[in-house]
Amino acid sequence: MKGFLVANPKGGSGKSTLATNLAGYFAHRGHDVMLGDIDRQQSAREWLATRPFELPTIETWAIGHDNVARPPKGTTHVVLDTPAGLGGKLLDKVLKLSTRVIVPVQPSTFDMRATRHFLEALLDEKAVRKGRADVAVIGMRVDARTRAAGELERFLASFELPVLAYLRDTQVYVQAAAAGMTLFDLPRSRAERDLEQWQAILDWVER
């Protein structure tokens, strides 16, 4: 089983957007994918309830903030959406289900400051230090050509973490989510630019 943890201590960083779209990609690849939501707001779980039945299936299982249970047998891919303030024992629990960690970061001073301590704690976790869980960062709602993107890269240089991809600020994500869909459910012509931005992410998760 491959487990993908989407985490950042700051609310509104784009965790649910990444988690739902990543689950949608695996579903379209024909995998038995489970989307777990341990955020008390249950945004990802509520999104699943709106997903049209004719689309590739994404399942969930009994999981909560205080009950990080393993998914059912037969699951090939797990995507975990997490709450703001993730850390301590809960971080340790979810890392046991994860082989990859994706950290979405917006290139603002407040977001980078909030993320600094989390990255320090994450990189100090045994699963990461021992190489059992790889970490990648994704710049959210940012143009790679801007000064803000450069500031994000400089911030991450101290952690020796490259920015895997930059995802633009667009209503395509908002409109897809409102319909219980992902980029991978939309006509190629509608999401082409965004799918191109996702290619580096997909290459990384498939490695």
N, C-alpha and C. Protein backbone atom coordinates (compact mmCIF):
# COMPACT_ATOMS: atom_id res chain seq x y z
N MET A 1 0.83 -1.20 0.00
CA MET A 1 0.00 0.00 0.00
C MET A 1 0.87 1.25 0.00
N LYS A 2 0.53 2.20 -0.85
CA LYS A 2 1.23 3.47 -0.89
C LYS A 2 0.40 4.54 -0.19
N GLY A 3 1.02 5.25 0.75
CA GLY A 3 0.31 6.25 1.52
C GLY A 3 0.85 7.64 1.27
N PHE A 4 -0.04 8.60 1.04
CA PHE A 4 0.34 9.97 0.74
C PHE A 4 -0.30 10.90 1.77
N LEU A 5 0.55 11.56 2.54
CA LEU A 5 0.11 12.47 3.59
C LEU A 5 0.21 13.90 3.09
N VAL A 6 -0.89 14.64 3.14
CA VAL A 6 -0.90 16.04 2.73
C VAL A 6 -1.02 16.87 3.99
N ALA A 7 0.01 17.66 4.31
CA ALA A 7 0.05 18.30 5.62
C ALA A 7 0.69 19.68 5.61
N ASN A 8 0.14 20.56 6.41
CA ASN A 8 0.68 21.89 6.69
C ASN A 8 -0.04 22.38 7.93
N PRO A 9 0.67 23.02 8.88
CA PRO A 9 0.02 23.45 10.11
C PRO A 9 -0.93 24.62 9.95
N LYS A 10 -0.87 25.30 8.81
CA LYS A 10 -1.69 26.49 8.61
C LYS A 10 -2.97 26.15 7.86
N GLY A 11 -4.10 26.63 8.35
CA GLY A 11 -5.35 26.45 7.65
C GLY A 11 -5.37 27.25 6.36
N GLY A 12 -6.11 26.76 5.36
CA GLY A 12 -6.22 27.47 4.10
C GLY A 12 -5.01 27.38 3.20
N SER A 13 -4.14 26.41 3.44
CA SER A 13 -2.91 26.30 2.64
C SER A 13 -3.12 25.53 1.35
N GLY A 14 -4.26 24.86 1.21
CA GLY A 14 -4.53 24.10 0.00
C GLY A 14 -4.46 22.60 0.18
N LYS A 15 -4.50 22.12 1.43
CA LYS A 15 -4.38 20.69 1.70
C LYS A 15 -5.51 19.88 1.04
N SER A 16 -6.75 20.32 1.25
CA SER A 16 -7.88 19.55 0.70
C SER A 16 -7.87 19.56 -0.82
N THR A 17 -7.47 20.67 -1.42
CA THR A 17 -7.37 20.74 -2.88
C THR A 17 -6.38 19.70 -3.40
N LEU A 18 -5.21 19.62 -2.77
CA LEU A 18 -4.22 18.63 -3.19
C LEU A 18 -4.69 17.21 -2.93
N ALA A 19 -5.25 16.97 -1.75
CA ALA A 19 -5.65 15.61 -1.37
C ALA A 19 -6.74 15.07 -2.28
N THR A 20 -7.77 15.87 -2.56
CA THR A 20 -8.86 15.38 -3.39
C THR A 20 -8.41 15.15 -4.83
N ASN A 21 -7.60 16.05 -5.36
CA ASN A 21 -7.14 15.89 -6.74
C ASN A 21 -6.18 14.72 -6.88
N LEU A 22 -5.34 14.49 -5.88
CA LEU A 22 -4.44 13.35 -5.93
C LEU A 22 -5.23 12.05 -5.88
N ALA A 23 -6.24 12.00 -5.03
CA ALA A 23 -7.10 10.81 -4.97
C ALA A 23 -7.82 10.61 -6.31
N GLY A 24 -8.25 11.71 -6.93
CA GLY A 24 -8.90 11.62 -8.23
C GLY A 24 -7.98 11.05 -9.30
N TYR A 25 -6.70 11.43 -9.25
CA TYR A 25 -5.73 10.89 -10.20
C TYR A 25 -5.59 9.38 -10.04
N PHE A 26 -5.44 8.92 -8.80
CA PHE A 26 -5.27 7.49 -8.56
C PHE A 26 -6.53 6.72 -8.98
N ALA A 27 -7.69 7.30 -8.74
CA ALA A 27 -8.95 6.65 -9.14
C ALA A 27 -9.00 6.47 -10.65
N HIS A 28 -8.57 7.49 -11.40
CA HIS A 28 -8.58 7.40 -12.85
C HIS A 28 -7.54 6.41 -13.37
N ARG A 29 -6.55 6.13 -12.56
CA ARG A 29 -5.55 5.13 -12.94
C ARG A 29 -6.02 3.71 -12.64
N GLY A 30 -7.21 3.60 -12.04
CA GLY A 30 -7.78 2.29 -11.76
C GLY A 30 -7.35 1.69 -10.44
N HIS A 31 -6.75 2.48 -9.55
CA HIS A 31 -6.31 1.97 -8.26
C HIS A 31 -7.46 1.94 -7.25
N ASP A 32 -7.32 1.08 -6.25
CA ASP A 32 -8.26 1.06 -5.13
C ASP A 32 -7.81 2.12 -4.13
N VAL A 33 -8.34 3.33 -4.29
CA VAL A 33 -7.86 4.48 -3.52
C VAL A 33 -8.84 4.85 -2.41
N MET A 34 -8.28 5.18 -1.27
CA MET A 34 -9.04 5.64 -0.12
C MET A 34 -8.60 7.05 0.23
N LEU A 35 -9.57 7.93 0.46
CA LEU A 35 -9.29 9.30 0.89
C LEU A 35 -9.66 9.41 2.35
N GLY A 36 -8.66 9.58 3.22
CA GLY A 36 -8.91 9.70 4.65
C GLY A 36 -8.88 11.16 5.08
N ASP A 37 -9.77 11.53 5.98
CA ASP A 37 -9.88 12.92 6.42
C ASP A 37 -9.84 12.97 7.94
N ILE A 38 -8.73 13.47 8.50
CA ILE A 38 -8.64 13.58 9.95
C ILE A 38 -8.76 15.02 10.42
N ASP A 39 -9.19 15.88 9.52
CA ASP A 39 -9.47 17.28 9.87
C ASP A 39 -10.88 17.33 10.47
N ARG A 40 -11.02 18.01 11.60
CA ARG A 40 -12.34 18.09 12.23
C ARG A 40 -13.38 18.75 11.32
N GLN A 41 -12.95 19.60 10.38
CA GLN A 41 -13.89 20.22 9.46
C GLN A 41 -14.43 19.24 8.43
N GLN A 42 -13.72 18.12 8.22
CA GLN A 42 -14.17 17.05 7.32
C GLN A 42 -14.47 17.54 5.90
N SER A 43 -13.67 18.47 5.42
CA SER A 43 -13.89 19.03 4.08
C SER A 43 -13.80 17.97 2.99
N ALA A 44 -12.79 17.12 3.07
CA ALA A 44 -12.60 16.10 2.04
C ALA A 44 -13.72 15.07 2.09
N ARG A 45 -14.14 14.70 3.27
CA ARG A 45 -15.23 13.72 3.41
C ARG A 45 -16.54 14.27 2.87
N GLU A 46 -16.81 15.54 3.15
CA GLU A 46 -18.02 16.17 2.62
C GLU A 46 -17.96 16.27 1.10
N TRP A 47 -16.77 16.53 0.57
CA TRP A 47 -16.60 16.57 -0.88
C TRP A 47 -16.91 15.21 -1.49
N LEU A 48 -16.47 14.15 -0.85
CA LEU A 48 -16.73 12.80 -1.36
C LEU A 48 -18.23 12.53 -1.46
N ALA A 49 -19.00 13.07 -0.53
CA ALA A 49 -20.44 12.84 -0.52
C ALA A 49 -21.13 13.48 -1.73
N THR A 50 -20.46 14.44 -2.37
CA THR A 50 -21.05 15.12 -3.54
C THR A 50 -20.54 14.54 -4.85
N ARG A 51 -19.64 13.58 -4.78
CA ARG A 51 -19.01 13.06 -6.00
C ARG A 51 -20.00 12.24 -6.82
N PRO A 52 -20.20 12.56 -8.09
CA PRO A 52 -21.12 11.80 -8.94
C PRO A 52 -20.74 10.32 -9.02
N PHE A 53 -21.73 9.45 -8.93
CA PHE A 53 -21.47 8.01 -8.85
C PHE A 53 -20.84 7.45 -10.12
N GLU A 54 -21.04 8.12 -11.26
CA GLU A 54 -20.51 7.59 -12.52
C GLU A 54 -19.02 7.84 -12.70
N LEU A 55 -18.42 8.65 -11.81
CA LEU A 55 -16.98 8.92 -11.91
C LEU A 55 -16.19 7.80 -11.24
N PRO A 56 -14.90 7.66 -11.56
CA PRO A 56 -14.08 6.64 -10.90
C PRO A 56 -14.17 6.74 -9.38
N THR A 57 -14.27 5.59 -8.75
CA THR A 57 -14.60 5.52 -7.32
C THR A 57 -13.44 5.93 -6.41
N ILE A 58 -13.78 6.76 -5.43
CA ILE A 58 -12.87 7.09 -4.33
C ILE A 58 -13.61 6.74 -3.05
N GLU A 59 -13.04 5.87 -2.25
CA GLU A 59 -13.70 5.45 -1.01
C GLU A 59 -13.10 6.17 0.19
N THR A 60 -13.74 5.99 1.34
CA THR A 60 -13.17 6.46 2.61
C THR A 60 -13.43 5.38 3.65
N TRP A 61 -12.95 5.58 4.86
CA TRP A 61 -13.15 4.59 5.91
C TRP A 61 -13.24 5.32 7.25
N ALA A 62 -13.59 4.57 8.29
CA ALA A 62 -13.77 5.18 9.61
C ALA A 62 -12.43 5.67 10.14
N ILE A 63 -12.27 6.95 10.11
CA ILE A 63 -11.02 7.56 10.55
C ILE A 63 -11.34 8.92 11.13
N GLY A 64 -10.63 9.30 12.17
CA GLY A 64 -10.89 10.59 12.78
C GLY A 64 -9.66 11.14 13.45
N HIS A 65 -9.79 12.32 14.04
CA HIS A 65 -8.67 13.00 14.68
C HIS A 65 -8.04 12.14 15.77
N ASP A 66 -8.89 11.40 16.51
CA ASP A 66 -8.38 10.58 17.61
C ASP A 66 -8.39 9.10 17.28
N ASN A 67 -8.69 8.76 16.03
CA ASN A 67 -8.79 7.36 15.63
C ASN A 67 -8.17 7.18 14.26
N VAL A 68 -6.84 7.16 14.22
CA VAL A 68 -6.14 7.04 12.94
C VAL A 68 -5.96 5.56 12.63
N ALA A 69 -7.06 4.92 12.19
CA ALA A 69 -7.04 3.49 11.91
C ALA A 69 -6.51 3.23 10.52
N ARG A 70 -5.97 2.03 10.33
CA ARG A 70 -5.50 1.64 9.02
C ARG A 70 -6.69 1.41 8.09
N PRO A 71 -6.52 1.68 6.80
CA PRO A 71 -7.60 1.46 5.84
C PRO A 71 -7.84 -0.03 5.63
N PRO A 72 -8.96 -0.40 5.01
CA PRO A 72 -9.28 -1.82 4.78
C PRO A 72 -8.25 -2.52 3.92
N LYS A 73 -8.17 -3.84 4.07
CA LYS A 73 -7.28 -4.65 3.24
C LYS A 73 -7.70 -4.53 1.78
N GLY A 74 -6.72 -4.59 0.91
CA GLY A 74 -6.99 -4.48 -0.52
C GLY A 74 -6.80 -3.08 -1.06
N THR A 75 -6.69 -2.10 -0.15
CA THR A 75 -6.44 -0.72 -0.57
C THR A 75 -5.03 -0.62 -1.13
N THR A 76 -4.89 -0.02 -2.30
CA THR A 76 -3.57 0.11 -2.90
C THR A 76 -2.96 1.49 -2.68
N HIS A 77 -3.83 2.52 -2.59
CA HIS A 77 -3.35 3.89 -2.44
C HIS A 77 -4.21 4.63 -1.40
N VAL A 78 -3.55 5.31 -0.48
CA VAL A 78 -4.23 6.09 0.55
C VAL A 78 -3.76 7.53 0.47
N VAL A 79 -4.71 8.45 0.51
CA VAL A 79 -4.40 9.88 0.58
C VAL A 79 -5.02 10.42 1.86
N LEU A 80 -4.22 11.06 2.70
CA LEU A 80 -4.69 11.58 3.98
C LEU A 80 -4.71 13.10 3.97
N ASP A 81 -5.89 13.67 4.21
CA ASP A 81 -6.04 15.11 4.39
C ASP A 81 -5.97 15.37 5.90
N THR A 82 -5.24 16.38 6.31
CA THR A 82 -4.95 16.57 7.73
C THR A 82 -5.37 17.95 8.23
N PRO A 83 -5.48 18.10 9.56
CA PRO A 83 -5.91 19.37 10.13
C PRO A 83 -4.79 20.38 10.26
N ALA A 84 -5.17 21.63 10.44
CA ALA A 84 -4.19 22.65 10.81
C ALA A 84 -3.63 22.29 12.18
N GLY A 85 -2.38 22.68 12.42
CA GLY A 85 -1.77 22.41 13.72
C GLY A 85 -1.29 20.98 13.89
N LEU A 86 -1.18 20.22 12.81
CA LEU A 86 -0.72 18.83 12.90
C LEU A 86 0.68 18.77 13.50
N GLY A 87 0.86 17.87 14.46
CA GLY A 87 2.17 17.71 15.08
C GLY A 87 2.12 16.68 16.19
N GLY A 88 3.24 16.49 16.87
CA GLY A 88 3.30 15.60 18.03
C GLY A 88 2.92 14.17 17.72
N LYS A 89 2.13 13.56 18.62
CA LYS A 89 1.76 12.16 18.49
C LYS A 89 0.90 11.90 17.25
N LEU A 90 0.06 12.87 16.89
CA LEU A 90 -0.79 12.68 15.73
C LEU A 90 0.05 12.62 14.45
N LEU A 91 1.06 13.47 14.35
CA LEU A 91 1.96 13.42 13.19
C LEU A 91 2.64 12.08 13.11
N ASP A 92 3.09 11.57 14.25
CA ASP A 92 3.75 10.26 14.29
C ASP A 92 2.80 9.16 13.82
N LYS A 93 1.53 9.23 14.22
CA LYS A 93 0.54 8.22 13.83
C LYS A 93 0.29 8.21 12.33
N VAL A 94 0.09 9.39 11.77
CA VAL A 94 -0.24 9.43 10.34
C VAL A 94 0.97 9.10 9.47
N LEU A 95 2.17 9.37 9.97
CA LEU A 95 3.37 9.01 9.22
C LEU A 95 3.51 7.49 9.09
N LYS A 96 2.94 6.75 10.04
CA LYS A 96 3.00 5.29 9.97
C LYS A 96 2.17 4.74 8.81
N LEU A 97 1.24 5.55 8.30
CA LEU A 97 0.43 5.15 7.15
C LEU A 97 0.97 5.72 5.85
N SER A 98 2.09 6.43 5.90
CA SER A 98 2.52 7.24 4.76
C SER A 98 3.90 6.85 4.24
N THR A 99 4.02 6.85 2.92
CA THR A 99 5.32 6.67 2.29
C THR A 99 5.81 7.96 1.65
N ARG A 100 4.88 8.91 1.43
CA ARG A 100 5.22 10.22 0.87
C ARG A 100 4.47 11.30 1.65
N VAL A 101 5.13 12.43 1.82
CA VAL A 101 4.51 13.58 2.50
C VAL A 101 4.55 14.78 1.55
N ILE A 102 3.39 15.37 1.32
CA ILE A 102 3.29 16.54 0.45
C ILE A 102 2.92 17.75 1.31
N VAL A 103 3.74 18.79 1.25
CA VAL A 103 3.51 19.99 2.05
C VAL A 103 3.16 21.16 1.13
N PRO A 104 1.90 21.58 1.11
CA PRO A 104 1.54 22.76 0.31
C PRO A 104 1.89 24.03 1.06
N VAL A 105 2.49 24.98 0.37
CA VAL A 105 2.88 26.25 1.00
C VAL A 105 2.55 27.40 0.07
N GLN A 106 1.91 28.42 0.61
CA GLN A 106 1.70 29.64 -0.15
C GLN A 106 2.87 30.58 0.13
N PRO A 107 3.33 31.33 -0.86
CA PRO A 107 4.55 32.14 -0.71
C PRO A 107 4.30 33.49 -0.05
N SER A 108 3.69 33.45 1.14
CA SER A 108 3.52 34.67 1.91
C SER A 108 4.36 34.57 3.17
N THR A 109 4.72 35.70 3.74
CA THR A 109 5.52 35.70 4.97
C THR A 109 4.84 34.91 6.07
N PHE A 110 3.53 35.08 6.22
CA PHE A 110 2.80 34.40 7.29
C PHE A 110 2.79 32.89 7.08
N ASP A 111 2.56 32.47 5.85
CA ASP A 111 2.53 31.04 5.57
C ASP A 111 3.89 30.40 5.76
N MET A 112 4.94 31.05 5.30
CA MET A 112 6.27 30.46 5.44
C MET A 112 6.71 30.40 6.90
N ARG A 113 6.37 31.42 7.67
CA ARG A 113 6.71 31.38 9.09
C ARG A 113 5.97 30.26 9.79
N ALA A 114 4.68 30.10 9.46
CA ALA A 114 3.89 29.04 10.09
C ALA A 114 4.40 27.66 9.72
N THR A 115 4.97 27.54 8.52
CA THR A 115 5.43 26.25 8.02
C THR A 115 6.81 25.87 8.54
N ARG A 116 7.62 26.86 8.92
CA ARG A 116 9.01 26.61 9.32
C ARG A 116 9.11 25.56 10.43
N HIS A 117 8.39 25.78 11.53
CA HIS A 117 8.51 24.86 12.66
C HIS A 117 7.98 23.47 12.32
N PHE A 118 6.94 23.43 11.48
CA PHE A 118 6.41 22.14 11.06
C PHE A 118 7.45 21.36 10.25
N LEU A 119 8.10 22.03 9.31
CA LEU A 119 9.11 21.35 8.51
C LEU A 119 10.27 20.86 9.38
N GLU A 120 10.67 21.66 10.35
CA GLU A 120 11.74 21.24 11.25
C GLU A 120 11.34 19.97 12.00
N ALA A 121 10.09 19.96 12.50
CA ALA A 121 9.60 18.79 13.23
C ALA A 121 9.44 17.58 12.30
N LEU A 122 8.93 17.82 11.11
CA LEU A 122 8.71 16.75 10.14
C LEU A 122 10.03 16.09 9.74
N LEU A 123 11.03 16.90 9.43
CA LEU A 123 12.31 16.34 8.99
C LEU A 123 13.05 15.63 10.12
N ASP A 124 12.62 15.90 11.36
CA ASP A 124 13.23 15.24 12.51
C ASP A 124 12.51 13.94 12.88
N GLU A 125 11.36 13.70 12.24
CA GLU A 125 10.62 12.46 12.51
C GLU A 125 11.43 11.26 12.03
N LYS A 126 11.36 10.18 12.80
CA LYS A 126 12.14 8.98 12.51
C LYS A 126 11.85 8.44 11.12
N ALA A 127 10.56 8.41 10.73
CA ALA A 127 10.19 7.86 9.42
C ALA A 127 10.84 8.63 8.29
N VAL A 128 11.00 9.94 8.46
CA VAL A 128 11.62 10.77 7.43
C VAL A 128 13.14 10.61 7.48
N ARG A 129 13.70 10.65 8.69
CA ARG A 129 15.16 10.53 8.83
C ARG A 129 15.68 9.19 8.31
N LYS A 130 14.87 8.14 8.48
CA LYS A 130 15.27 6.81 8.04
C LYS A 130 14.94 6.54 6.58
N GLY A 131 14.34 7.53 5.92
CA GLY A 131 14.04 7.38 4.50
C GLY A 131 12.80 6.57 4.19
N ARG A 132 11.95 6.31 5.21
CA ARG A 132 10.72 5.56 4.97
C ARG A 132 9.61 6.44 4.41
N ALA A 133 9.77 7.76 4.54
CA ALA A 133 8.78 8.69 4.00
C ALA A 133 9.51 9.86 3.34
N ASP A 134 9.29 10.05 2.06
CA ASP A 134 9.90 11.16 1.33
C ASP A 134 9.02 12.40 1.45
N VAL A 135 9.66 13.57 1.39
CA VAL A 135 8.93 14.84 1.56
C VAL A 135 9.09 15.69 0.30
N ALA A 136 7.99 16.30 -0.14
CA ALA A 136 8.01 17.24 -1.26
C ALA A 136 7.17 18.45 -0.90
N VAL A 137 7.52 19.60 -1.46
CA VAL A 137 6.79 20.84 -1.22
C VAL A 137 6.16 21.31 -2.52
N ILE A 138 4.96 21.83 -2.44
CA ILE A 138 4.27 22.36 -3.60
C ILE A 138 3.85 23.80 -3.32
N GLY A 139 4.23 24.71 -4.21
CA GLY A 139 3.82 26.11 -4.08
C GLY A 139 2.38 26.27 -4.56
N MET A 140 1.54 26.81 -3.70
CA MET A 140 0.12 26.93 -3.99
C MET A 140 -0.27 28.36 -4.33
N ARG A 141 -1.12 28.49 -5.34
CA ARG A 141 -1.67 29.79 -5.75
C ARG A 141 -0.55 30.79 -6.06
N VAL A 142 0.38 30.35 -6.90
CA VAL A 142 1.54 31.20 -7.19
C VAL A 142 2.02 30.98 -8.62
N ASP A 143 2.52 32.04 -9.22
CA ASP A 143 3.13 31.98 -10.55
C ASP A 143 4.63 31.77 -10.35
N ALA A 144 5.18 30.74 -10.98
CA ALA A 144 6.59 30.40 -10.81
C ALA A 144 7.52 31.52 -11.26
N ARG A 145 7.02 32.47 -12.06
CA ARG A 145 7.87 33.54 -12.59
C ARG A 145 7.95 34.76 -11.68
N THR A 146 7.23 34.74 -10.57
CA THR A 146 7.14 35.93 -9.72
C THR A 146 8.21 35.96 -8.64
N ARG A 147 8.37 37.14 -8.04
CA ARG A 147 9.31 37.30 -6.92
C ARG A 147 8.89 36.44 -5.74
N ALA A 148 7.57 36.29 -5.54
CA ALA A 148 7.07 35.47 -4.43
C ALA A 148 7.57 34.03 -4.55
N ALA A 149 7.59 33.50 -5.77
CA ALA A 149 8.08 32.14 -5.98
C ALA A 149 9.56 32.04 -5.61
N GLY A 150 10.33 33.07 -5.97
CA GLY A 150 11.75 33.09 -5.62
C GLY A 150 11.96 33.13 -4.12
N GLU A 151 11.13 33.88 -3.41
CA GLU A 151 11.22 33.95 -1.96
C GLU A 151 10.91 32.59 -1.33
N LEU A 152 9.94 31.88 -1.90
CA LEU A 152 9.61 30.56 -1.39
C LEU A 152 10.77 29.59 -1.59
N GLU A 153 11.42 29.65 -2.73
CA GLU A 153 12.56 28.78 -3.00
C GLU A 153 13.72 29.07 -2.04
N ARG A 154 13.94 30.36 -1.76
CA ARG A 154 15.01 30.72 -0.82
C ARG A 154 14.69 30.22 0.58
N PHE A 155 13.42 30.33 0.96
CA PHE A 155 12.98 29.85 2.27
C PHE A 155 13.23 28.35 2.40
N LEU A 156 12.92 27.59 1.37
CA LEU A 156 13.04 26.14 1.42
C LEU A 156 14.47 25.65 1.26
N ALA A 157 15.34 26.51 0.75
CA ALA A 157 16.74 26.11 0.54
C ALA A 157 17.40 25.70 1.85
N SER A 158 17.00 26.34 2.95
CA SER A 158 17.61 26.01 4.25
C SER A 158 17.23 24.60 4.71
N PHE A 159 16.14 24.05 4.13
CA PHE A 159 15.72 22.69 4.47
C PHE A 159 16.17 21.69 3.41
N GLU A 160 16.83 22.19 2.38
CA GLU A 160 17.25 21.36 1.25
C GLU A 160 16.05 20.65 0.63
N LEU A 161 14.94 21.40 0.52
CA LEU A 161 13.73 20.87 -0.09
C LEU A 161 13.38 21.70 -1.33
N PRO A 162 13.37 21.10 -2.49
CA PRO A 162 12.98 21.84 -3.69
C PRO A 162 11.46 21.99 -3.76
N VAL A 163 11.01 22.96 -4.53
CA VAL A 163 9.58 23.09 -4.81
C VAL A 163 9.27 22.14 -5.96
N LEU A 164 8.43 21.15 -5.71
CA LEU A 164 8.13 20.15 -6.72
C LEU A 164 7.33 20.74 -7.88
N ALA A 165 6.40 21.64 -7.57
CA ALA A 165 5.57 22.26 -8.60
C ALA A 165 4.95 23.53 -8.05
N TYR A 166 4.52 24.39 -8.96
CA TYR A 166 3.76 25.58 -8.60
C TYR A 166 2.37 25.44 -9.23
N LEU A 167 1.34 25.58 -8.42
CA LEU A 167 -0.03 25.50 -8.92
C LEU A 167 -0.65 26.89 -8.90
N ARG A 168 -1.21 27.28 -10.01
CA ARG A 168 -1.74 28.64 -10.14
C ARG A 168 -3.03 28.84 -9.37
N ASP A 169 -3.37 30.08 -9.14
CA ASP A 169 -4.61 30.48 -8.49
C ASP A 169 -5.68 30.56 -9.58
N THR A 170 -6.61 29.61 -9.58
CA THR A 170 -7.61 29.55 -10.65
C THR A 170 -8.93 29.01 -10.14
N GLN A 171 -10.02 29.43 -10.78
CA GLN A 171 -11.35 28.97 -10.41
C GLN A 171 -11.62 27.54 -10.91
N VAL A 172 -10.73 26.98 -11.70
CA VAL A 172 -10.93 25.61 -12.18
C VAL A 172 -11.04 24.65 -11.00
N TYR A 173 -10.16 24.80 -10.00
CA TYR A 173 -10.21 23.94 -8.82
C TYR A 173 -11.51 24.14 -8.05
N VAL A 174 -11.90 25.39 -7.89
CA VAL A 174 -13.11 25.72 -7.13
C VAL A 174 -14.35 25.13 -7.80
N GLN A 175 -14.45 25.31 -9.09
CA GLN A 175 -15.62 24.82 -9.83
C GLN A 175 -15.67 23.30 -9.86
N ALA A 176 -14.52 22.66 -10.02
CA ALA A 176 -14.48 21.20 -10.01
C ALA A 176 -14.89 20.66 -8.65
N ALA A 177 -14.35 21.23 -7.59
CA ALA A 177 -14.66 20.77 -6.24
C ALA A 177 -16.15 20.92 -5.92
N ALA A 178 -16.74 22.01 -6.36
CA ALA A 178 -18.16 22.25 -6.10
C ALA A 178 -19.04 21.18 -6.73
N ALA A 179 -18.54 20.54 -7.79
CA ALA A 179 -19.29 19.48 -8.47
C ALA A 179 -18.85 18.09 -8.03
N GLY A 180 -18.01 18.00 -6.98
CA GLY A 180 -17.52 16.70 -6.52
C GLY A 180 -16.51 16.09 -7.46
N MET A 181 -15.82 16.94 -8.22
CA MET A 181 -14.91 16.46 -9.24
C MET A 181 -13.47 16.92 -8.98
N THR A 182 -12.56 16.41 -9.79
CA THR A 182 -11.15 16.81 -9.74
C THR A 182 -10.73 17.24 -11.14
N LEU A 183 -9.51 17.73 -11.25
CA LEU A 183 -8.97 18.07 -12.57
C LEU A 183 -9.05 16.89 -13.53
N PHE A 184 -8.88 15.69 -12.98
CA PHE A 184 -8.78 14.49 -13.80
C PHE A 184 -10.14 13.99 -14.27
N ASP A 185 -11.21 14.61 -13.76
CA ASP A 185 -12.56 14.28 -14.22
C ASP A 185 -13.03 15.25 -15.30
N LEU A 186 -12.34 16.35 -15.49
CA LEU A 186 -12.76 17.39 -16.42
C LEU A 186 -12.28 17.08 -17.83
N PRO A 187 -12.95 17.66 -18.84
CA PRO A 187 -12.44 17.55 -20.21
C PRO A 187 -11.02 18.11 -20.27
N ARG A 188 -10.16 17.46 -21.02
CA ARG A 188 -8.76 17.87 -21.11
C ARG A 188 -8.64 19.35 -21.50
N SER A 189 -9.49 19.81 -22.40
CA SER A 189 -9.40 21.18 -22.86
C SER A 189 -9.66 22.20 -21.76
N ARG A 190 -10.45 21.81 -20.78
CA ARG A 190 -10.79 22.74 -19.69
C ARG A 190 -9.69 22.83 -18.64
N ALA A 191 -8.96 21.73 -18.45
CA ALA A 191 -7.96 21.69 -17.36
C ALA A 191 -6.54 21.52 -17.87
N GLU A 192 -6.31 21.72 -19.16
CA GLU A 192 -5.01 21.40 -19.76
C GLU A 192 -3.85 22.12 -19.08
N ARG A 193 -3.99 23.42 -18.85
CA ARG A 193 -2.90 24.18 -18.24
C ARG A 193 -2.59 23.67 -16.83
N ASP A 194 -3.62 23.33 -16.09
CA ASP A 194 -3.42 22.86 -14.72
C ASP A 194 -2.86 21.44 -14.70
N LEU A 195 -3.29 20.61 -15.61
CA LEU A 195 -2.74 19.26 -15.70
C LEU A 195 -1.25 19.29 -16.04
N GLU A 196 -0.85 20.24 -16.85
CA GLU A 196 0.59 20.41 -17.14
C GLU A 196 1.36 20.75 -15.87
N GLN A 197 0.79 21.59 -15.02
CA GLN A 197 1.45 21.95 -13.76
C GLN A 197 1.53 20.75 -12.82
N TRP A 198 0.59 19.85 -12.94
CA TRP A 198 0.57 18.66 -12.07
C TRP A 198 1.55 17.58 -12.52
N GLN A 199 2.10 17.67 -13.72
CA GLN A 199 2.89 16.56 -14.24
C GLN A 199 4.08 16.21 -13.34
N ALA A 200 4.76 17.23 -12.81
CA ALA A 200 5.91 16.95 -11.94
C ALA A 200 5.46 16.24 -10.66
N ILE A 201 4.27 16.59 -10.16
CA ILE A 201 3.73 15.92 -8.97
C ILE A 201 3.45 14.45 -9.29
N LEU A 202 2.83 14.21 -10.42
CA LEU A 202 2.48 12.84 -10.80
C LEU A 202 3.73 12.00 -11.04
N ASP A 203 4.76 12.59 -11.63
CA ASP A 203 6.02 11.87 -11.83
C ASP A 203 6.62 11.45 -10.48
N TRP A 204 6.50 12.35 -9.51
CA TRP A 204 7.06 12.08 -8.17
C TRP A 204 6.28 10.99 -7.45
N VAL A 205 4.94 11.04 -7.49
CA VAL A 205 4.16 10.03 -6.76
C VAL A 205 4.27 8.67 -7.42
N GLU A 206 4.59 8.64 -8.71
CA GLU A 206 4.69 7.35 -9.41
C GLU A 206 6.09 6.76 -9.34
N ARG A 207 7.06 7.50 -8.81
CA ARG A 207 8.44 6.98 -8.75
C ARG A 207 8.53 5.77 -7.84
